[in-house]
Amino acid sequence: MFRSAQIVPNPNGDRMQKLLDSQSVSELLDVPPRTLDQWAYLKRGPAYVKVGRHRRYQLEDVERWLAANTRGGDAT
């Protein structure tokens, strides 16, 4: 099940989103985790941050990527 991002304070006092792992993003987008791997390799998917060897996503980056890739209907 998708684990939602929670807002947590960072040491500077600003608010920062909890990073999502690939499994959570794949569930959110309803695509297999391997698809995210391919998109990352091809530089096609949502922006991510490398934490060690792991890819982590900010929810706002995933939402921005979705908005930029919306087609049809009233979309621009």
Foldseek 3Di string as FASTA:
>chain_A
DADDWDWDADPVRDIDIDWAFLVNVCVVVVHDSVVVVVCVVVVNAFDFDDDPPGTTHGPVSNVVSCLVPDDDDPRD
